[in-house]
Amino acid sequence: MSINARFFKPQEKMTFRKVLDRVGVFTAVECRAYIESSRQGLYELWRNNKGKEVLGYDEEQNKRVDEDDQPLIDYIDEVISRQGKSTEGDIDCWNDLICIRDYIVADILSVYEADGYGNHNYDDMRVMDILLSDESKNLTMWPSMHWASEWNPNTSGYRKLFEKYLELHWKLDSDANDYDENMSVKKFESQNKRLIA
């Protein structure tokens, strides 16, 4: 790879820096919320469903989800249990979460990478761009949005939110056909309060 600075603008952050800046300040509770969001999203993804009838969780698949996520949650819970006892202890706890933040950064950056077949999910990228563009966004809900499906009533709200952020991306993109120069993230969210709450 060579460095290509044709479109270099010193005031613009690269995606890598945006993700590091956002996740680098995650508290223990936010780290736990992100991992738990991933676990719950995958729980809902793996369900025994027959047509529109939801029969319940797929125990085998969800056991694998637990095997992946529980060690991280246990580690974060142990760090949380040590917080608030001393300033030095809190600094140690903050530093002990760097490894968890690294997992979260890697997960978010994977949105921008090609899958095993060389394909990119541009819709995921567009929604992540919206989530990263504003620090008031709840980035911990990303995994639930990512794994949400329309057929599952437990996740259909997250799916609608995903679709709304995707729609907003086009309204903010000056090259898009439905670009709206009067649209902003704040205005969009005020119009969609019930969905975003």
N, C-alpha and C. Protein backbone atom coordinates (compact mmCIF):
# COMPACT_ATOMS: atom_id res chain seq x y z
N MET A 1 0.84 -1.18 0.00
CA MET A 1 0.00 0.00 0.00
C MET A 1 0.88 1.24 0.00
N SER A 2 0.49 2.21 -0.78
CA SER A 2 1.21 3.48 -0.77
C SER A 2 0.27 4.56 -0.22
N ILE A 3 0.85 5.61 0.29
CA ILE A 3 0.05 6.70 0.84
C ILE A 3 -0.44 7.57 -0.31
N ASN A 4 -1.74 7.79 -0.33
CA ASN A 4 -2.35 8.60 -1.38
C ASN A 4 -2.94 9.85 -0.73
N ALA A 5 -2.34 10.99 -0.98
CA ALA A 5 -2.78 12.23 -0.33
C ALA A 5 -3.47 13.18 -1.31
N ARG A 6 -3.99 12.62 -2.39
CA ARG A 6 -4.63 13.47 -3.40
C ARG A 6 -5.79 14.27 -2.81
N PHE A 7 -6.55 13.65 -1.90
CA PHE A 7 -7.71 14.32 -1.32
C PHE A 7 -7.46 14.74 0.13
N PHE A 8 -6.21 14.93 0.48
CA PHE A 8 -5.83 15.28 1.85
C PHE A 8 -6.42 16.62 2.29
N LYS A 9 -7.08 16.60 3.45
CA LYS A 9 -7.57 17.82 4.08
C LYS A 9 -7.20 17.72 5.56
N PRO A 10 -6.33 18.60 6.04
CA PRO A 10 -5.85 18.46 7.42
C PRO A 10 -6.95 18.55 8.47
N GLN A 11 -8.06 19.18 8.15
CA GLN A 11 -9.12 19.34 9.15
C GLN A 11 -10.02 18.10 9.23
N GLU A 12 -9.93 17.18 8.27
CA GLU A 12 -10.78 15.98 8.27
C GLU A 12 -10.09 14.82 8.96
N LYS A 13 -10.86 14.11 9.79
CA LYS A 13 -10.33 12.92 10.45
C LYS A 13 -10.58 11.70 9.56
N MET A 14 -9.61 10.80 9.56
CA MET A 14 -9.81 9.54 8.87
C MET A 14 -10.74 8.68 9.74
N THR A 15 -11.37 7.71 9.13
CA THR A 15 -12.30 6.84 9.85
C THR A 15 -11.63 6.19 11.04
N PHE A 16 -10.41 5.75 10.86
CA PHE A 16 -9.66 5.10 11.95
C PHE A 16 -9.57 6.02 13.17
N ARG A 17 -9.27 7.28 12.94
CA ARG A 17 -9.15 8.26 14.03
C ARG A 17 -10.51 8.54 14.66
N LYS A 18 -11.56 8.62 13.85
CA LYS A 18 -12.90 8.85 14.38
C LYS A 18 -13.29 7.73 15.35
N VAL A 19 -13.02 6.50 14.93
CA VAL A 19 -13.37 5.34 15.78
C VAL A 19 -12.54 5.34 17.05
N LEU A 20 -11.24 5.57 16.92
CA LEU A 20 -10.37 5.59 18.11
C LEU A 20 -10.78 6.69 19.08
N ASP A 21 -11.11 7.86 18.56
CA ASP A 21 -11.52 8.97 19.42
C ASP A 21 -12.81 8.65 20.17
N ARG A 22 -13.76 8.02 19.49
CA ARG A 22 -15.04 7.72 20.13
C ARG A 22 -14.92 6.59 21.15
N VAL A 23 -14.28 5.51 20.75
CA VAL A 23 -14.22 4.33 21.63
C VAL A 23 -13.16 4.50 22.72
N GLY A 24 -12.16 5.32 22.46
CA GLY A 24 -11.09 5.53 23.43
C GLY A 24 -11.55 6.13 24.75
N VAL A 25 -12.74 6.72 24.77
CA VAL A 25 -13.27 7.31 26.01
C VAL A 25 -14.43 6.49 26.58
N PHE A 26 -14.66 5.30 26.05
CA PHE A 26 -15.72 4.45 26.59
C PHE A 26 -15.43 4.09 28.04
N THR A 27 -16.42 4.25 28.88
CA THR A 27 -16.31 3.82 30.27
C THR A 27 -16.53 2.31 30.33
N ALA A 28 -16.33 1.75 31.51
CA ALA A 28 -16.56 0.31 31.69
C ALA A 28 -18.00 -0.05 31.36
N VAL A 29 -18.93 0.80 31.77
CA VAL A 29 -20.35 0.54 31.52
C VAL A 29 -20.65 0.59 30.02
N GLU A 30 -20.05 1.53 29.30
CA GLU A 30 -20.26 1.61 27.86
C GLU A 30 -19.65 0.41 27.15
N CYS A 31 -18.47 -0.02 27.61
CA CYS A 31 -17.86 -1.22 27.03
C CYS A 31 -18.78 -2.43 27.23
N ARG A 32 -19.31 -2.54 28.44
CA ARG A 32 -20.21 -3.66 28.74
C ARG A 32 -21.47 -3.57 27.90
N ALA A 33 -22.01 -2.36 27.73
CA ALA A 33 -23.23 -2.17 26.95
C ALA A 33 -23.00 -2.58 25.49
N TYR A 34 -21.83 -2.26 24.95
CA TYR A 34 -21.54 -2.62 23.57
C TYR A 34 -21.48 -4.14 23.40
N ILE A 35 -20.75 -4.81 24.30
CA ILE A 35 -20.62 -6.27 24.22
C ILE A 35 -21.98 -6.92 24.42
N GLU A 36 -22.75 -6.41 25.39
CA GLU A 36 -24.08 -6.97 25.65
C GLU A 36 -25.02 -6.72 24.47
N SER A 37 -24.89 -5.57 23.82
CA SER A 37 -25.68 -5.28 22.63
C SER A 37 -25.38 -6.29 21.53
N SER A 38 -24.11 -6.64 21.40
CA SER A 38 -23.71 -7.64 20.42
C SER A 38 -24.32 -9.00 20.76
N ARG A 39 -24.24 -9.35 22.03
CA ARG A 39 -24.78 -10.66 22.45
C ARG A 39 -26.29 -10.72 22.23
N GLN A 40 -27.01 -9.67 22.64
CA GLN A 40 -28.46 -9.67 22.48
C GLN A 40 -28.85 -9.67 21.00
N GLY A 41 -28.11 -8.91 20.19
CA GLY A 41 -28.39 -8.90 18.75
C GLY A 41 -28.23 -10.27 18.12
N LEU A 42 -27.19 -10.99 18.53
CA LEU A 42 -26.96 -12.33 17.99
C LEU A 42 -27.95 -13.33 18.56
N TYR A 43 -28.35 -13.17 19.83
CA TYR A 43 -29.41 -14.02 20.38
C TYR A 43 -30.65 -13.95 19.51
N GLU A 44 -31.03 -12.72 19.17
CA GLU A 44 -32.26 -12.53 18.40
C GLU A 44 -32.08 -12.99 16.95
N LEU A 45 -30.85 -12.97 16.47
CA LEU A 45 -30.59 -13.42 15.10
C LEU A 45 -30.81 -14.93 14.99
N TRP A 46 -30.35 -15.64 16.01
CA TRP A 46 -30.45 -17.10 15.98
C TRP A 46 -31.71 -17.54 16.71
N ARG A 47 -32.80 -17.59 16.00
CA ARG A 47 -34.06 -18.06 16.58
C ARG A 47 -34.62 -19.15 15.69
N ASN A 48 -35.30 -20.10 16.33
CA ASN A 48 -36.04 -21.08 15.54
C ASN A 48 -37.29 -20.39 15.04
N ASN A 49 -37.35 -20.13 13.77
CA ASN A 49 -38.58 -19.50 13.27
C ASN A 49 -39.08 -20.26 12.07
N LYS A 50 -40.37 -20.45 12.05
CA LYS A 50 -41.02 -21.19 10.98
C LYS A 50 -42.01 -20.22 10.35
N GLY A 51 -41.66 -19.69 9.20
CA GLY A 51 -42.49 -18.67 8.60
C GLY A 51 -42.51 -17.44 9.48
N LYS A 52 -43.68 -17.01 9.90
CA LYS A 52 -43.79 -15.84 10.77
C LYS A 52 -43.90 -16.23 12.23
N GLU A 53 -43.97 -17.52 12.50
CA GLU A 53 -44.12 -17.99 13.87
C GLU A 53 -42.74 -18.03 14.54
N VAL A 54 -42.57 -17.28 15.63
CA VAL A 54 -41.30 -17.28 16.35
C VAL A 54 -41.41 -18.33 17.45
N LEU A 55 -40.57 -19.34 17.38
CA LEU A 55 -40.68 -20.48 18.29
C LEU A 55 -39.77 -20.36 19.51
N GLY A 56 -38.77 -19.53 19.45
CA GLY A 56 -37.86 -19.41 20.59
C GLY A 56 -36.42 -19.41 20.15
N TYR A 57 -35.54 -19.22 21.11
CA TYR A 57 -34.12 -19.14 20.81
C TYR A 57 -33.56 -20.47 20.33
N ASP A 58 -32.58 -20.38 19.45
CA ASP A 58 -31.82 -21.55 19.03
C ASP A 58 -30.74 -21.76 20.08
N GLU A 59 -30.96 -22.72 20.94
CA GLU A 59 -30.08 -22.92 22.10
C GLU A 59 -28.63 -23.21 21.71
N GLU A 60 -28.44 -24.01 20.68
CA GLU A 60 -27.08 -24.37 20.26
C GLU A 60 -26.30 -23.15 19.76
N GLN A 61 -26.94 -22.38 18.90
CA GLN A 61 -26.26 -21.19 18.37
C GLN A 61 -26.00 -20.17 19.48
N ASN A 62 -26.97 -19.99 20.37
CA ASN A 62 -26.80 -19.00 21.43
C ASN A 62 -25.78 -19.44 22.46
N LYS A 63 -25.58 -20.73 22.59
CA LYS A 63 -24.52 -21.22 23.47
C LYS A 63 -23.16 -20.77 22.92
N ARG A 64 -23.02 -20.82 21.61
CA ARG A 64 -21.77 -20.36 20.98
C ARG A 64 -21.59 -18.85 21.17
N VAL A 65 -22.68 -18.10 21.08
CA VAL A 65 -22.63 -16.65 21.30
C VAL A 65 -22.12 -16.38 22.71
N ASP A 66 -22.65 -17.11 23.68
CA ASP A 66 -22.21 -16.95 25.07
C ASP A 66 -20.74 -17.28 25.24
N GLU A 67 -20.29 -18.33 24.59
CA GLU A 67 -18.88 -18.72 24.67
C GLU A 67 -17.98 -17.60 24.15
N ASP A 68 -18.45 -16.87 23.13
CA ASP A 68 -17.67 -15.77 22.57
C ASP A 68 -17.69 -14.53 23.46
N ASP A 69 -18.86 -14.20 23.99
CA ASP A 69 -19.02 -12.90 24.66
C ASP A 69 -18.84 -12.94 26.18
N GLN A 70 -19.14 -14.05 26.82
CA GLN A 70 -19.12 -14.09 28.28
C GLN A 70 -17.75 -13.78 28.89
N PRO A 71 -16.64 -14.26 28.31
CA PRO A 71 -15.33 -13.91 28.89
C PRO A 71 -15.10 -12.40 28.94
N LEU A 72 -15.54 -11.68 27.90
CA LEU A 72 -15.38 -10.23 27.88
C LEU A 72 -16.26 -9.57 28.95
N ILE A 73 -17.49 -10.04 29.08
CA ILE A 73 -18.40 -9.48 30.08
C ILE A 73 -17.88 -9.76 31.49
N ASP A 74 -17.39 -10.97 31.73
CA ASP A 74 -16.84 -11.31 33.05
C ASP A 74 -15.65 -10.40 33.38
N TYR A 75 -14.79 -10.17 32.39
CA TYR A 75 -13.62 -9.32 32.60
C TYR A 75 -14.05 -7.89 32.94
N ILE A 76 -15.03 -7.36 32.19
CA ILE A 76 -15.50 -6.00 32.44
C ILE A 76 -16.15 -5.91 33.82
N ASP A 77 -16.94 -6.91 34.19
CA ASP A 77 -17.59 -6.92 35.51
C ASP A 77 -16.56 -6.91 36.64
N GLU A 78 -15.47 -7.62 36.43
CA GLU A 78 -14.40 -7.65 37.44
C GLU A 78 -13.75 -6.28 37.56
N VAL A 79 -13.55 -5.60 36.44
CA VAL A 79 -12.99 -4.25 36.46
C VAL A 79 -13.95 -3.29 37.16
N ILE A 80 -15.23 -3.40 36.85
CA ILE A 80 -16.24 -2.54 37.49
C ILE A 80 -16.24 -2.73 39.00
N SER A 81 -16.06 -3.97 39.45
CA SER A 81 -16.08 -4.26 40.89
C SER A 81 -14.92 -3.59 41.63
N ARG A 82 -13.85 -3.22 40.91
CA ARG A 82 -12.68 -2.58 41.54
C ARG A 82 -12.73 -1.07 41.47
N GLN A 83 -13.70 -0.52 40.74
CA GLN A 83 -13.75 0.93 40.57
C GLN A 83 -14.25 1.65 41.81
N GLY A 84 -13.81 2.89 41.95
CA GLY A 84 -14.33 3.76 43.00
C GLY A 84 -13.68 3.61 44.35
N LYS A 85 -12.61 2.86 44.44
CA LYS A 85 -11.97 2.64 45.74
C LYS A 85 -10.78 3.57 45.98
N SER A 86 -10.11 3.95 44.89
CA SER A 86 -8.99 4.90 45.00
C SER A 86 -8.71 5.48 43.62
N THR A 87 -8.04 6.61 43.61
CA THR A 87 -7.71 7.25 42.33
C THR A 87 -6.77 6.37 41.52
N GLU A 88 -5.75 5.83 42.18
CA GLU A 88 -4.81 4.96 41.47
C GLU A 88 -5.50 3.71 40.96
N GLY A 89 -6.41 3.18 41.76
CA GLY A 89 -7.17 2.00 41.34
C GLY A 89 -8.04 2.30 40.14
N ASP A 90 -8.64 3.49 40.12
CA ASP A 90 -9.47 3.87 38.98
C ASP A 90 -8.64 4.03 37.72
N ILE A 91 -7.43 4.56 37.86
CA ILE A 91 -6.53 4.68 36.71
C ILE A 91 -6.17 3.29 36.19
N ASP A 92 -5.90 2.37 37.11
CA ASP A 92 -5.60 0.99 36.70
C ASP A 92 -6.79 0.37 35.97
N CYS A 93 -8.00 0.62 36.51
CA CYS A 93 -9.21 0.08 35.87
C CYS A 93 -9.37 0.64 34.47
N TRP A 94 -9.15 1.95 34.34
CA TRP A 94 -9.25 2.59 33.02
C TRP A 94 -8.28 1.93 32.04
N ASN A 95 -7.04 1.73 32.49
CA ASN A 95 -6.04 1.10 31.63
C ASN A 95 -6.35 -0.37 31.35
N ASP A 96 -6.96 -1.05 32.33
CA ASP A 96 -7.31 -2.45 32.13
C ASP A 96 -8.39 -2.65 31.07
N LEU A 97 -9.11 -1.58 30.74
CA LEU A 97 -10.17 -1.68 29.73
C LEU A 97 -9.66 -1.40 28.31
N ILE A 98 -8.40 -1.03 28.17
CA ILE A 98 -7.86 -0.75 26.84
C ILE A 98 -8.02 -1.96 25.93
N CYS A 99 -7.78 -3.15 26.45
CA CYS A 99 -7.89 -4.35 25.62
C CYS A 99 -9.33 -4.57 25.14
N ILE A 100 -10.32 -4.24 25.99
CA ILE A 100 -11.72 -4.37 25.59
C ILE A 100 -12.06 -3.32 24.53
N ARG A 101 -11.57 -2.10 24.74
CA ARG A 101 -11.81 -1.05 23.75
C ARG A 101 -11.21 -1.44 22.40
N ASP A 102 -10.06 -2.12 22.43
CA ASP A 102 -9.45 -2.59 21.18
C ASP A 102 -10.37 -3.55 20.43
N TYR A 103 -11.03 -4.46 21.17
CA TYR A 103 -11.99 -5.37 20.55
C TYR A 103 -13.13 -4.59 19.89
N ILE A 104 -13.60 -3.57 20.60
CA ILE A 104 -14.72 -2.77 20.08
C ILE A 104 -14.29 -1.98 18.85
N VAL A 105 -13.09 -1.38 18.91
CA VAL A 105 -12.55 -0.65 17.75
C VAL A 105 -12.45 -1.60 16.56
N ALA A 106 -11.92 -2.80 16.76
CA ALA A 106 -11.78 -3.76 15.67
C ALA A 106 -13.14 -4.13 15.09
N ASP A 107 -14.14 -4.29 15.96
CA ASP A 107 -15.48 -4.63 15.50
C ASP A 107 -16.06 -3.51 14.64
N ILE A 108 -15.90 -2.27 15.08
CA ILE A 108 -16.44 -1.13 14.32
C ILE A 108 -15.69 -0.96 13.00
N LEU A 109 -14.37 -1.07 13.04
CA LEU A 109 -13.60 -0.91 11.80
C LEU A 109 -13.89 -2.01 10.79
N SER A 110 -14.33 -3.19 11.27
CA SER A 110 -14.65 -4.29 10.34
C SER A 110 -15.82 -3.93 9.44
N VAL A 111 -16.63 -2.95 9.85
CA VAL A 111 -17.73 -2.47 9.01
C VAL A 111 -17.19 -1.95 7.68
N TYR A 112 -16.00 -1.38 7.70
CA TYR A 112 -15.42 -0.76 6.51
C TYR A 112 -14.55 -1.71 5.70
N GLU A 113 -14.44 -2.95 6.14
CA GLU A 113 -13.61 -3.92 5.43
C GLU A 113 -14.47 -4.84 4.58
N ALA A 114 -13.85 -5.40 3.56
CA ALA A 114 -14.55 -6.36 2.72
C ALA A 114 -14.76 -7.66 3.50
N ASP A 115 -15.84 -8.37 3.18
CA ASP A 115 -16.07 -9.66 3.83
C ASP A 115 -15.18 -10.71 3.18
N GLY A 116 -15.35 -11.94 3.55
CA GLY A 116 -14.51 -13.03 3.03
C GLY A 116 -14.62 -13.25 1.54
N TYR A 117 -15.67 -12.69 0.94
CA TYR A 117 -15.86 -12.84 -0.49
C TYR A 117 -15.47 -11.59 -1.28
N GLY A 118 -14.93 -10.60 -0.58
CA GLY A 118 -14.49 -9.37 -1.24
C GLY A 118 -15.59 -8.34 -1.40
N ASN A 119 -16.75 -8.57 -0.76
CA ASN A 119 -17.87 -7.63 -0.88
C ASN A 119 -17.86 -6.65 0.28
N HIS A 120 -18.38 -5.46 0.02
CA HIS A 120 -18.54 -4.44 1.06
C HIS A 120 -20.01 -4.23 1.33
N ASN A 121 -20.35 -3.99 2.59
CA ASN A 121 -21.74 -3.65 2.92
C ASN A 121 -21.81 -2.13 3.06
N TYR A 122 -22.15 -1.47 1.98
CA TYR A 122 -22.13 -0.01 1.97
C TYR A 122 -23.21 0.59 2.86
N ASP A 123 -24.33 -0.11 3.04
CA ASP A 123 -25.36 0.40 3.94
C ASP A 123 -24.84 0.47 5.37
N ASP A 124 -24.13 -0.57 5.81
CA ASP A 124 -23.54 -0.56 7.15
C ASP A 124 -22.56 0.61 7.29
N MET A 125 -21.76 0.84 6.25
CA MET A 125 -20.79 1.93 6.29
C MET A 125 -21.49 3.28 6.43
N ARG A 126 -22.57 3.46 5.69
CA ARG A 126 -23.30 4.73 5.73
C ARG A 126 -23.90 4.99 7.10
N VAL A 127 -24.47 3.94 7.70
CA VAL A 127 -25.06 4.10 9.04
C VAL A 127 -23.96 4.37 10.06
N MET A 128 -22.85 3.67 9.94
CA MET A 128 -21.74 3.89 10.88
C MET A 128 -21.20 5.31 10.73
N ASP A 129 -21.13 5.82 9.52
CA ASP A 129 -20.70 7.21 9.31
C ASP A 129 -21.58 8.18 10.10
N ILE A 130 -22.89 7.93 10.10
CA ILE A 130 -23.82 8.78 10.86
C ILE A 130 -23.54 8.65 12.35
N LEU A 131 -23.36 7.42 12.83
CA LEU A 131 -23.11 7.21 14.27
C LEU A 131 -21.80 7.84 14.72
N LEU A 132 -20.80 7.83 13.85
CA LEU A 132 -19.50 8.40 14.21
C LEU A 132 -19.45 9.92 14.06
N SER A 133 -20.38 10.47 13.26
CA SER A 133 -20.31 11.89 12.95
C SER A 133 -20.71 12.79 14.12
N ASP A 134 -21.39 12.24 15.11
CA ASP A 134 -21.92 13.05 16.20
C ASP A 134 -21.67 12.33 17.52
N GLU A 135 -20.96 12.98 18.42
CA GLU A 135 -20.61 12.34 19.69
C GLU A 135 -21.80 12.08 20.60
N SER A 136 -22.94 12.69 20.30
CA SER A 136 -24.13 12.43 21.11
C SER A 136 -24.79 11.11 20.73
N LYS A 137 -24.35 10.49 19.66
CA LYS A 137 -24.91 9.21 19.23
C LYS A 137 -24.52 8.09 20.18
N ASN A 138 -25.45 7.18 20.40
CA ASN A 138 -25.20 6.03 21.25
C ASN A 138 -24.57 4.93 20.40
N LEU A 139 -23.26 4.92 20.38
CA LEU A 139 -22.53 3.96 19.55
C LEU A 139 -22.67 2.53 20.08
N THR A 140 -23.04 2.39 21.35
CA THR A 140 -23.15 1.05 21.93
C THR A 140 -24.32 0.26 21.35
N MET A 141 -25.25 0.93 20.69
CA MET A 141 -26.39 0.21 20.12
C MET A 141 -26.09 -0.33 18.71
N TRP A 142 -24.91 -0.03 18.17
CA TRP A 142 -24.59 -0.47 16.82
C TRP A 142 -24.78 -1.98 16.61
N PRO A 143 -24.25 -2.86 17.48
CA PRO A 143 -24.42 -4.29 17.20
C PRO A 143 -25.89 -4.71 17.11
N SER A 144 -26.73 -4.12 17.95
CA SER A 144 -28.17 -4.45 17.88
C SER A 144 -28.77 -3.99 16.56
N MET A 145 -28.34 -2.85 16.07
CA MET A 145 -28.81 -2.37 14.78
C MET A 145 -28.28 -3.25 13.65
N HIS A 146 -27.02 -3.62 13.76
CA HIS A 146 -26.36 -4.41 12.72
C HIS A 146 -27.02 -5.77 12.54
N TRP A 147 -27.38 -6.42 13.65
CA TRP A 147 -27.94 -7.77 13.58
C TRP A 147 -29.46 -7.78 13.54
N ALA A 148 -30.09 -6.61 13.52
CA ALA A 148 -31.56 -6.55 13.56
C ALA A 148 -32.17 -7.09 12.27
N SER A 149 -33.32 -7.71 12.41
CA SER A 149 -34.03 -8.24 11.25
C SER A 149 -35.48 -7.80 11.29
N GLU A 150 -36.09 -7.73 10.12
CA GLU A 150 -37.47 -7.27 10.04
C GLU A 150 -38.45 -8.33 10.54
N TRP A 151 -38.10 -9.61 10.37
CA TRP A 151 -39.05 -10.67 10.73
C TRP A 151 -39.17 -10.85 12.23
N ASN A 152 -38.19 -10.40 12.99
CA ASN A 152 -38.23 -10.61 14.44
C ASN A 152 -38.82 -9.37 15.11
N PRO A 153 -39.97 -9.48 15.76
CA PRO A 153 -40.59 -8.29 16.38
C PRO A 153 -39.72 -7.67 17.47
N ASN A 154 -38.83 -8.45 18.08
CA ASN A 154 -37.95 -7.92 19.13
C ASN A 154 -36.87 -7.00 18.59
N THR A 155 -36.57 -7.11 17.30
CA THR A 155 -35.50 -6.29 16.74
C THR A 155 -35.98 -5.38 15.61
N SER A 156 -37.26 -5.42 15.29
CA SER A 156 -37.75 -4.63 14.16
C SER A 156 -37.57 -3.13 14.40
N GLY A 157 -37.63 -2.68 15.67
CA GLY A 157 -37.39 -1.26 15.98
C GLY A 157 -35.97 -0.84 15.65
N TYR A 158 -35.01 -1.72 15.97
CA TYR A 158 -33.61 -1.43 15.61
C TYR A 158 -33.45 -1.40 14.09
N ARG A 159 -34.17 -2.29 13.40
CA ARG A 159 -34.08 -2.33 11.94
C ARG A 159 -34.64 -1.04 11.34
N LYS A 160 -35.75 -0.55 11.90
CA LYS A 160 -36.33 0.71 11.42
C LYS A 160 -35.36 1.87 11.65
N LEU A 161 -34.70 1.86 12.81
CA LEU A 161 -33.72 2.90 13.10
C LEU A 161 -32.57 2.84 12.11
N PHE A 162 -32.10 1.63 11.80
CA PHE A 162 -31.04 1.45 10.81
C PHE A 162 -31.48 2.07 9.48
N GLU A 163 -32.70 1.76 9.05
CA GLU A 163 -33.21 2.29 7.78
C GLU A 163 -33.33 3.81 7.81
N LYS A 164 -33.73 4.36 8.94
CA LYS A 164 -33.85 5.82 9.07
C LYS A 164 -32.49 6.50 8.97
N TYR A 165 -31.47 5.93 9.64
CA TYR A 165 -30.13 6.51 9.54
C TYR A 165 -29.58 6.38 8.13
N LEU A 166 -29.94 5.30 7.46
CA LEU A 166 -29.52 5.13 6.07
C LEU A 166 -30.15 6.22 5.19
N GLU A 167 -31.42 6.47 5.43
CA GLU A 167 -32.12 7.54 4.71
C GLU A 167 -31.48 8.90 5.00
N LEU A 168 -31.14 9.14 6.24
CA LEU A 168 -30.51 10.40 6.62
C LEU A 168 -29.17 10.58 5.91
N HIS A 169 -28.41 9.50 5.77
CA HIS A 169 -27.12 9.59 5.10
C HIS A 169 -27.26 10.22 3.72
N TRP A 170 -28.30 9.78 2.99
CA TRP A 170 -28.48 10.32 1.63
C TRP A 170 -28.91 11.77 1.66
N LYS A 171 -29.66 12.16 2.67
CA LYS A 171 -30.08 13.56 2.76
C LYS A 171 -28.91 14.48 3.11
N LEU A 172 -27.87 13.92 3.74
CA LEU A 172 -26.70 14.72 4.11
C LEU A 172 -25.58 14.65 3.08
N ASP A 173 -25.69 13.69 2.15
CA ASP A 173 -24.64 13.50 1.14
C ASP A 173 -24.91 14.43 -0.05
N SER A 174 -24.04 15.39 -0.25
CA SER A 174 -24.26 16.41 -1.30
C SER A 174 -24.29 15.81 -2.70
N ASP A 175 -23.74 14.62 -2.88
CA ASP A 175 -23.76 13.99 -4.21
C ASP A 175 -25.00 13.14 -4.45
N ALA A 176 -25.84 12.96 -3.42
CA ALA A 176 -27.01 12.10 -3.55
C ALA A 176 -28.16 12.81 -4.25
N ASN A 177 -29.03 12.02 -4.85
CA ASN A 177 -30.18 12.58 -5.59
C ASN A 177 -31.15 13.31 -4.66
N ASP A 178 -31.32 12.81 -3.42
CA ASP A 178 -32.28 13.44 -2.51
C ASP A 178 -31.59 14.27 -1.43
N TYR A 179 -30.46 14.85 -1.77
CA TYR A 179 -29.74 15.72 -0.84
C TYR A 179 -30.63 16.87 -0.39
N ASP A 180 -30.62 17.13 0.90
CA ASP A 180 -31.43 18.22 1.47
C ASP A 180 -30.49 19.14 2.24
N GLU A 181 -30.24 20.30 1.68
CA GLU A 181 -29.28 21.22 2.31
C GLU A 181 -29.78 21.75 3.66
N ASN A 182 -31.08 21.64 3.92
CA ASN A 182 -31.63 22.09 5.19
C ASN A 182 -31.66 20.99 6.25
N MET A 183 -31.26 19.78 5.88
CA MET A 183 -31.31 18.66 6.82
C MET A 183 -30.04 18.63 7.67
N SER A 184 -30.20 18.26 8.91
CA SER A 184 -29.08 18.03 9.82
C SER A 184 -29.43 16.83 10.67
N VAL A 185 -28.45 16.27 11.35
CA VAL A 185 -28.71 15.13 12.22
C VAL A 185 -29.70 15.54 13.31
N LYS A 186 -29.52 16.73 13.86
CA LYS A 186 -30.40 17.21 14.94
C LYS A 186 -31.84 17.34 14.46
N LYS A 187 -32.02 17.92 13.29
CA LYS A 187 -33.37 18.11 12.73
C LYS A 187 -34.00 16.75 12.45
N PHE A 188 -33.23 15.86 11.88
CA PHE A 188 -33.73 14.52 11.58
C PHE A 188 -34.21 13.82 12.84
N GLU A 189 -33.39 13.89 13.90
CA GLU A 189 -33.76 13.21 15.14
C GLU A 189 -34.97 13.84 15.81
N SER A 190 -35.12 15.15 15.69
CA SER A 190 -36.29 15.80 16.29
C SER A 190 -37.57 15.37 15.55
N GLN A 191 -37.45 15.07 14.26
CA GLN A 191 -38.61 14.62 13.48
C GLN A 191 -38.93 13.16 13.76
N ASN A 192 -37.95 12.42 14.28
CA ASN A 192 -38.12 10.97 14.48
C ASN A 192 -37.91 10.59 15.95
N LYS A 193 -38.37 11.43 16.86
CA LYS A 193 -38.12 11.23 18.30
C LYS A 193 -38.62 9.88 18.80
N ARG A 194 -39.81 9.49 18.40
CA ARG A 194 -40.37 8.24 18.93
C ARG A 194 -39.52 7.04 18.52
N LEU A 195 -39.01 7.06 17.32
CA LEU A 195 -38.23 5.93 16.83
C LEU A 195 -36.87 5.86 17.49
N ILE A 196 -36.25 7.01 17.73
CA ILE A 196 -34.88 7.05 18.24
C ILE A 196 -34.83 6.88 19.76
N ALA A 197 -35.89 7.22 20.45
CA ALA A 197 -35.91 7.14 21.93
C ALA A 197 -35.77 5.70 22.39
